[in-house]
C-alpha atoms as a PDB file:
ATOM      1  CA  MET A   1     -46.844 -70.714  55.735  1.00  0.00           C
ATOM      2  CA  SER A   2     -45.940 -72.859  58.856  1.00  0.00           C
ATOM      3  CA  TYR A   3     -42.682 -72.661  60.785  1.00  0.00           C
ATOM      4  CA  ASN A   4     -41.532 -75.993  59.166  1.00  0.00           C
ATOM      5  CA  GLN A   5     -42.139 -74.792  55.753  1.00  0.00           C
ATOM      6  CA  ARG A   6     -40.235 -71.480  56.293  1.00  0.00           C
ATOM      7  CA  PHE A   7     -37.528 -73.481  57.995  1.00  0.00           C
ATOM      8  CA  LYS A   8     -37.260 -75.872  54.964  1.00  0.00           C
ATOM      9  CA  LYS A   9     -37.270 -72.994  52.528  1.00  0.00           C
ATOM     10  CA  LYS A  10     -34.426 -71.135  54.470  1.00  0.00           C
ATOM     11  CA  SER A  11     -32.524 -74.427  54.741  1.00  0.00           C
ATOM     12  CA  LEU A  12     -32.761 -75.043  50.921  1.00  0.00           C
ATOM     13  CA  ILE A  13     -31.619 -71.491  50.202  1.00  0.00           C
ATOM     14  CA  SER A  14     -28.690 -72.119  52.598  1.00  0.00           C
ATOM     15  CA  ILE A  15     -27.722 -75.337  50.692  1.00  0.00           C
ATOM     16  CA  VAL A  16     -27.955 -73.595  47.380  1.00  0.00           C
ATOM     17  CA  LYS A  17     -25.750 -70.827  48.633  1.00  0.00           C
ATOM     18  CA  ILE A  18     -23.296 -73.146  50.123  1.00  0.00           C
ATOM     19  CA  ASP A  19     -23.131 -75.150  46.857  1.00  0.00           C
ATOM     20  CA  GLU A  20     -22.682 -71.866  44.965  1.00  0.00           C
ATOM     21  CA  ILE A  21     -19.805 -70.934  47.325  1.00  0.00           C
ATOM     22  CA  LYS A  22     -18.232 -74.381  46.973  1.00  0.00           C
ATOM     23  CA  ARG A  23     -18.399 -73.966  43.161  1.00  0.00           C
ATOM     24  CA  MET A  24     -16.891 -70.609  43.421  1.00  0.00           C
ATOM     25  CA  ARG A  25     -13.853 -72.216  45.226  1.00  0.00           C
ATOM     26  CA  GLN A  26     -13.491 -74.848  42.765  1.00  0.00           C
ATOM     27  CA  ILE A  27     -13.393 -72.378  39.907  1.00  0.00           C
ATOM     28  CA  GLY A  28     -10.967 -70.181  41.871  1.00  0.00           C
ATOM     29  CA  GLU A  29      -8.668 -73.239  42.409  1.00  0.00           C
ATOM     30  CA  GLU A  30      -8.994 -74.194  38.717  1.00  0.00           C
ATOM     31  CA  TYR A  31      -8.344 -70.680  37.671  1.00  0.00           C
ATOM     32  CA  GLU A  32      -5.229 -70.277  39.849  1.00  0.00           C
ATOM     33  CA  LYS A  33      -3.679 -73.634  38.384  1.00  0.00           C
ATOM     34  CA  LEU A  34      -4.419 -72.459  34.862  1.00  0.00           C
ATOM     35  CA  LEU A  35      -2.961 -68.990  35.515  1.00  0.00           C
ATOM     36  CA  ASP A  36       0.109 -70.611  37.079  1.00  0.00           C
ATOM     37  CA  ASN A  37       0.748 -72.802  34.023  1.00  0.00           C
ATOM     38  CA  LEU A  38       0.280 -69.864  31.661  1.00  0.00           C
ATOM     39  CA  LEU A  39       2.651 -67.568  33.661  1.00  0.00           C
ATOM     40  CA  ASN A  40       5.265 -70.385  33.643  1.00  0.00           C
ATOM     41  CA  LEU A  41       4.986 -70.640  29.900  1.00  0.00           C
ATOM     42  CA  ILE A  42       5.306 -66.873  29.558  1.00  0.00           C
ATOM     43  CA  PHE A  43       8.466 -66.943  31.794  1.00  0.00           C
ATOM     44  CA  GLN A  44       9.872 -69.635  29.525  1.00  0.00           C
ATOM     45  CA  LYS A  45       9.180 -67.757  26.356  1.00  0.00           C
ATOM     46  CA  ALA A  46       9.877 -64.239  27.581  1.00  0.00           C
ATOM     47  CA  SER A  47      12.649 -64.799  29.902  1.00  0.00           C
ATOM     48  CA  ASN A  48      14.169 -61.280  29.115  1.00  0.00           C
ATOM     49  CA  CYS A  49      10.941 -59.541  30.358  1.00  0.00           C
ATOM     50  CA  LEU A  50      10.104 -58.481  33.932  1.00  0.00           C
ATOM     51  CA  ALA A  51       6.700 -58.096  35.402  1.00  0.00           C
ATOM     52  CA  LEU A  52       6.075 -54.451  35.959  1.00  0.00           C
ATOM     53  CA  GLU A  53       4.484 -54.796  39.387  1.00  0.00           C
ATOM     54  CA  LEU A  54       4.368 -58.467  40.828  1.00  0.00           C
ATOM     55  CA  ASP A  55       0.691 -58.128  41.870  1.00  0.00           C
ATOM     56  CA  ASP A  56      -0.520 -56.533  38.628  1.00  0.00           C
ATOM     57  CA  SER A  57       1.535 -58.691  36.369  1.00  0.00           C
ATOM     58  CA  LEU A  58       0.011 -61.778  37.821  1.00  0.00           C
ATOM     59  CA  THR A  59      -3.383 -60.488  37.156  1.00  0.00           C
ATOM     60  CA  PRO A  60      -4.373 -60.751  33.353  1.00  0.00           C
ATOM     61  CA  ILE A  61      -6.249 -57.905  31.789  1.00  0.00           C
ATOM     62  CA  PHE A  62      -9.465 -59.234  30.389  1.00  0.00           C
ATOM     63  CA  ALA A  63     -10.646 -56.251  28.739  1.00  0.00           C
ATOM     64  CA  THR A  64      -7.898 -56.271  25.959  1.00  0.00           C
ATOM     65  CA  THR A  65      -9.237 -53.008  24.250  1.00  0.00           C
ATOM     66  CA  GLN A  66      -6.178 -51.399  25.769  1.00  0.00           C
ATOM     67  CA  VAL A  67      -3.924 -53.299  23.235  1.00  0.00           C
ATOM     68  CA  LYS A  68      -3.736 -53.019  19.404  1.00  0.00           C
ATOM     69  CA  THR A  69      -2.715 -56.744  19.093  1.00  0.00           C
ATOM     70  CA  PRO A  70      -5.484 -58.393  16.881  1.00  0.00           C
ATOM     71  CA  ASN A  71      -7.320 -61.205  18.328  1.00  0.00           C
ATOM     72  CA  SER A  72      -5.850 -60.642  21.928  1.00  0.00           C
ATOM     73  CA  LEU A  73      -7.321 -62.853  24.747  1.00  0.00           C
ATOM     74  CA  LEU A  74      -5.358 -61.667  27.724  1.00  0.00           C
ATOM     75  CA  ALA A  75      -2.711 -58.990  28.431  1.00  0.00           C
ATOM     76  CA  PHE A  76      -0.169 -58.885  31.309  1.00  0.00           C
ATOM     77  CA  PRO A  77       1.826 -55.695  32.174  1.00  0.00           C
ATOM     78  CA  TYR A  78       5.531 -56.328  31.598  1.00  0.00           C
ATOM     79  CA  LYS A  79       8.731 -54.591  30.684  1.00  0.00           C
ATOM     80  CA  CYS A  80      10.774 -56.119  27.771  1.00  0.00           C
ATOM     81  CA  ASN A  81      13.987 -55.030  26.441  1.00  0.00           C
ATOM     82  CA  GLY A  82      13.758 -51.795  28.387  1.00  0.00           C
ATOM     83  CA  LYS A  83      10.164 -50.917  27.136  1.00  0.00           C
ATOM     84  CA  ILE A  84       6.988 -50.947  29.042  1.00  0.00           C
ATOM     85  CA  GLY A  85       3.843 -52.548  27.614  1.00  0.00           C
ATOM     86  CA  TYR A  86       1.933 -55.674  27.709  1.00  0.00           C
ATOM     87  CA  ILE A  87       2.729 -59.494  27.019  1.00  0.00           C
ATOM     88  CA  VAL A  88      -0.363 -60.516  24.985  1.00  0.00           C
ATOM     89  CA  VAL A  89      -1.634 -63.939  24.389  1.00  0.00           C
ATOM     90  CA  THR A  90      -3.723 -64.239  21.034  1.00  0.00           C
ATOM     91  CA  GLU A  91      -6.543 -66.588  19.929  1.00  0.00           C
ATOM     92  CA  ASP A  92      -4.171 -68.165  17.632  1.00  0.00           C
ATOM     93  CA  GLY A  93      -1.680 -69.090  20.302  1.00  0.00           C
ATOM     94  CA  LYS A  94       0.798 -66.399  19.700  1.00  0.00           C
ATOM     95  CA  ILE A  95       2.586 -64.616  22.653  1.00  0.00           C
ATOM     96  CA  VAL A  96       3.635 -61.248  21.650  1.00  0.00           C
ATOM     97  CA  PHE A  97       5.055 -58.078  23.434  1.00  0.00           C
ATOM     98  CA  GLU A  98       3.322 -54.906  22.602  1.00  0.00           C
ATOM     99  CA  ASP A  99       4.901 -51.637  23.742  1.00  0.00           C
ATOM    100  CA  GLU A 100       3.107 -48.436  24.714  1.00  0.00           C
ATOM    101  CA  GLU A 101       3.518 -47.154  21.174  1.00  0.00           C
ATOM    102  CA  GLY A 102       1.627 -50.039  19.921  1.00  0.00           C
ATOM    103  CA  ASN A 103       4.826 -51.856  18.379  1.00  0.00           C
ATOM    104  CA  ILE A 104       4.160 -55.638  18.362  1.00  0.00           C
ATOM    105  CA  ILE A 105       6.984 -58.189  18.539  1.00  0.00           C
ATOM    106  CA  GLN A 106       6.244 -61.996  18.662  1.00  0.00           C
ATOM    107  CA  ILE A 107       7.837 -63.656  21.650  1.00  0.00           C
ATOM    108  CA  GLY A 108       6.703 -67.235  20.924  1.00  0.00           C
ATOM    109  CA  ASP A 109       3.638 -69.318  20.744  1.00  0.00           C
ATOM    110  CA  ILE A 110       1.753 -71.720  22.949  1.00  0.00           C
ATOM    111  CA  SER A 111       2.713 -75.282  21.680  1.00  0.00           C
ATOM    112  CA  ILE A 112      -0.028 -77.874  21.693  1.00  0.00           C
END
């Protein structure tokens, strides 16, 4: 393989990686916007609830096996009415609070 062929190959690899990095940035920006919209909605529906730790409560838990709420999509660690638990968003658009004992209270829903 000649020098020019190796250079072209490396340049192509760099372009692909740069394109992947740009796409990652786009996805990240879109994710931040969607998360911000969801957190604003949760705040409106659950105004009596507080984030446990600001950093943790802004990051949803994708592995929702920790919660008992059926059809859960995302869970956020929160404290509602003096109890620690999760605000959970379900597949059917419900927003619920599940405490540490597994008690589930519907807070609202996501209006379309």
